[in-house]
Amino acid sequence: MGPVDIWAGELTRLAKAESQRHGEIVKTSNTRLEELKGVACEIIWRRFLQVIWRVVG
């Protein structure tokens, strides 16, 4: 195990501790992000269907 491995392991450990401390914030952010992704996909899908209907119609 070289110095880089030790450094990476320490960063990983610190990141895990930090994420546990802020777990609720992260969960809330992830939930919100998923909602926004869903809305964005819905908007893109609707636009796509509108274009298809214009071409077909």
C-alpha atoms as a PDB file:
ATOM      1  CA  MET A   1       0.000   0.000   0.000  1.00  0.00           C
ATOM      2  CA  GLY A   2       1.638   3.195  -1.187  1.00  0.00           C
ATOM      3  CA  PRO A   3       1.097   6.776  -0.060  1.00  0.00           C
ATOM      4  CA  VAL A   4      -1.534   7.321  -2.752  1.00  0.00           C
ATOM      5  CA  ASP A   5      -3.556   4.338  -1.501  1.00  0.00           C
ATOM      6  CA  ILE A   6      -3.392   5.594   2.083  1.00  0.00           C
ATOM      7  CA  TRP A   7      -4.419   9.098   0.954  1.00  0.00           C
ATOM      8  CA  ALA A   8      -7.330   7.720  -1.118  1.00  0.00           C
ATOM      9  CA  GLY A   9      -8.437   5.522   1.785  1.00  0.00           C
ATOM     10  CA  GLU A  10      -8.374   8.481   4.165  1.00  0.00           C
ATOM     11  CA  LEU A  11     -10.393  10.614   1.746  1.00  0.00           C
ATOM     12  CA  THR A  12     -12.925   7.804   1.371  1.00  0.00           C
ATOM     13  CA  ARG A  13     -13.212   7.453   5.154  1.00  0.00           C
ATOM     14  CA  LEU A  14     -13.711  11.212   5.579  1.00  0.00           C
ATOM     15  CA  ALA A  15     -16.288  11.314   2.782  1.00  0.00           C
ATOM     16  CA  LYS A  16     -18.254   8.466   4.377  1.00  0.00           C
ATOM     17  CA  ALA A  17     -18.234  10.197   7.773  1.00  0.00           C
ATOM     18  CA  GLU A  18     -19.350  13.462   6.185  1.00  0.00           C
ATOM     19  CA  SER A  19     -22.117  11.800   4.199  1.00  0.00           C
ATOM     20  CA  GLN A  20     -23.431  10.078   7.336  1.00  0.00           C
ATOM     21  CA  ARG A  21     -23.484  13.430   9.123  1.00  0.00           C
ATOM     22  CA  HIS A  22     -25.405  15.052   6.278  1.00  0.00           C
ATOM     23  CA  GLY A  23     -27.398  11.968   5.293  1.00  0.00           C
ATOM     24  CA  GLU A  24     -30.789  13.628   5.565  1.00  0.00           C
ATOM     25  CA  ILE A  25     -29.710  16.596   3.450  1.00  0.00           C
ATOM     26  CA  VAL A  26     -28.284  14.252   0.829  1.00  0.00           C
ATOM     27  CA  LYS A  27     -31.442  12.124   0.779  1.00  0.00           C
ATOM     28  CA  THR A  28     -33.605  15.216   0.387  1.00  0.00           C
ATOM     29  CA  SER A  29     -31.393  16.542  -2.404  1.00  0.00           C
ATOM     30  CA  ASN A  30     -31.419  13.189  -4.199  1.00  0.00           C
ATOM     31  CA  THR A  31     -35.214  12.985  -3.944  1.00  0.00           C
ATOM     32  CA  ARG A  32     -35.546  16.481  -5.349  1.00  0.00           C
ATOM     33  CA  LEU A  33     -33.063  15.660  -8.115  1.00  0.00           C
ATOM     34  CA  GLU A  34     -35.086  12.576  -9.078  1.00  0.00           C
ATOM     35  CA  GLU A  35     -38.261  14.703  -9.206  1.00  0.00           C
ATOM     36  CA  LEU A  36     -36.557  17.253 -11.440  1.00  0.00           C
ATOM     37  CA  LYS A  37     -35.246  14.496 -13.722  1.00  0.00           C
ATOM     38  CA  GLY A  38     -38.769  13.103 -14.000  1.00  0.00           C
ATOM     39  CA  VAL A  39     -40.205  16.501 -14.890  1.00  0.00           C
ATOM     40  CA  ALA A  40     -37.451  17.125 -17.442  1.00  0.00           C
ATOM     41  CA  CYS A  41     -38.037  13.737 -19.070  1.00  0.00           C
ATOM     42  CA  GLU A  42     -41.772  14.384 -19.215  1.00  0.00           C
ATOM     43  CA  ILE A  43     -41.242  17.789 -20.877  1.00  0.00           C
ATOM     44  CA  ILE A  44     -38.797  16.335 -23.416  1.00  0.00           C
ATOM     45  CA  TRP A  45     -41.161  13.428 -24.160  1.00  0.00           C
ATOM     46  CA  ARG A  46     -44.119  15.784 -24.688  1.00  0.00           C
ATOM     47  CA  ARG A  47     -42.085  17.988 -27.045  1.00  0.00           C
ATOM     48  CA  PHE A  48     -40.936  14.920 -28.939  1.00  0.00           C
ATOM     49  CA  LEU A  49     -44.535  13.707 -29.339  1.00  0.00           C
ATOM     50  CA  GLN A  50     -45.647  17.190 -30.465  1.00  0.00           C
ATOM     51  CA  VAL A  51     -42.995  17.176 -33.189  1.00  0.00           C
ATOM     52  CA  ILE A  52     -43.986  13.650 -34.279  1.00  0.00           C
ATOM     53  CA  TRP A  53     -47.670  14.650 -34.466  1.00  0.00           C
ATOM     54  CA  ARG A  54     -46.794  17.711 -36.563  1.00  0.00           C
ATOM     55  CA  VAL A  55     -44.759  15.580 -38.959  1.00  0.00           C
ATOM     56  CA  VAL A  56     -47.398  12.817 -39.180  1.00  0.00           C
ATOM     57  CA  GLY A  57     -50.422  15.131 -39.074  1.00  0.00           C
END
